[in-house]
Amino acid sequence: MNIGRTVFAQLMDFIPYYEFQQCAERYHGNYKVKTFSCWDQFLCMSFAQLTYRESLRDIEACLRVAKTKLYHMGIRGKISRNTLAHANEIRDWRIYADFAQVLIRTARKLYSGEDFGLELDQTVYALDATIIDLCLSVFPWAKFRSGKAAVKLHTLLDLRGSIPVIVNITHGKIHDIYIIDNLFIEAGAIYIMDRAYVDFARLYKIHQSQAFFVTRAKSNFVFKRLYSLPVDKSTGVQADQIITVTGFYTLKGYPDKLRRISYFDTLTKKRFVFLTNNFSLPSIVIAKLYKCRWQIELFFKWIKQHLRIKAFYGTTENAVKTQIWIAISIYVLVAIVKKRLCINRSLYTILQILSVTLFEKTPILQALSDIDYEEPNADNHNQLNLFQ
């Protein structure tokens, strides 16, 4: 006799089903489909992400052995690796990209008051990209280098809650800086970027949109100092200058003033030079803002370690993008569940618990809260050290 609902079914209750169907209809995902719908595909791929399945055969074997529970998990279609492979190959990946944006909007509302280390009223974003290496003979469309293939995830991360707001998936040859051309710049927001994004014409586009940027200057940066502001060198700030760029084309790209801040980190014994168009925040706050950029590095490391985005179930571009977007959806879904159920555990711990309890018929809050487990202390992680 069936008593209660599986943890997997309870987890999927947090997904707005109507919005998912709207995304599927937008791209005709269920056109002429009789048995294995987009929803079935999403549930199977979500199960694979949550339980760290290695291959389509692995997914098929694990789900078929629990076939008496599939109906109560919401899966109506017959599970077959060929069917799942075909769906990943032909169903438009934009279905899952659009649906991920639905979850992202929900998560951003939940985490809008989250503390990220600085008390600022503005929305703060970190912009960066990471590379996922692939085999050129298996993924010939993912151009990167001679004899090597890769896809690149260009990501805009909201530092409140570490929620990925925008993810643009391209082949490896696309330079990081081109993502700025596709961004909708939010007035009043702060965008933190590394030196790869220093293009003064594009930075001026952010400035004209009444937003702010914080980035590092390149080693060969040439400028003209207009005047200096007083600084407290005990904080590590060595100089705070108002400058203009020099050079015909550089000045044409950014004709306005910039702020140049020199900072010395006593831990690493390194000097850093920041550029920003924000003239109101204290210079030490600008330095601390750039430190917060590490959150996106930690985000990339986290999803590569704990989600299935380094090994793919299909080789086509559509299959790869489908898998990545569903992985991002699961990351955001777990963040939503954590906030709505007020669970005081890390996303890593929640995922580990879910991976071994999906088939159990236990209230999800009980499953995620009752386990006696001490969270590891992340304060000693060397990646959290300033500017290393």
Foldseek 3Di string as FASTA:
>chain_A
DDDFAFLLQVLCVLAPVVVLVVLCVVQVQCPVPDAQGPVLLLSLLLLCFLQVQFALVSSQVVCVVVVVRCVSSVRGHRRDSVVSQVSLVPGFLSSLVVSLLVLLVVLCVLLVPADLPDDDPAWEKEWDKDKQWDQCVLQVVQDADVRTWIKMWTFIFGSRLRATNDTDIHRRNDQNQCVLVVDDADAAHEYEYEPSNPDLLSLVVNVVSNYKYKYFDDPPFDWAFDDWDDDDCVLFWDTKTKIAGDDDVNCVSHVDIKIWIWGADPVVRDITIMIMPDPPDDRSVSLVSNLSSLSVVVVVVVLVVSGPLNRFRHRYPSSNSNSVSSSSSSLSSLSSCCSVLVQPADSNLLSVLCNPRRRPRDPNSCSRHVDDDDHDDCPPPPSSPGPD
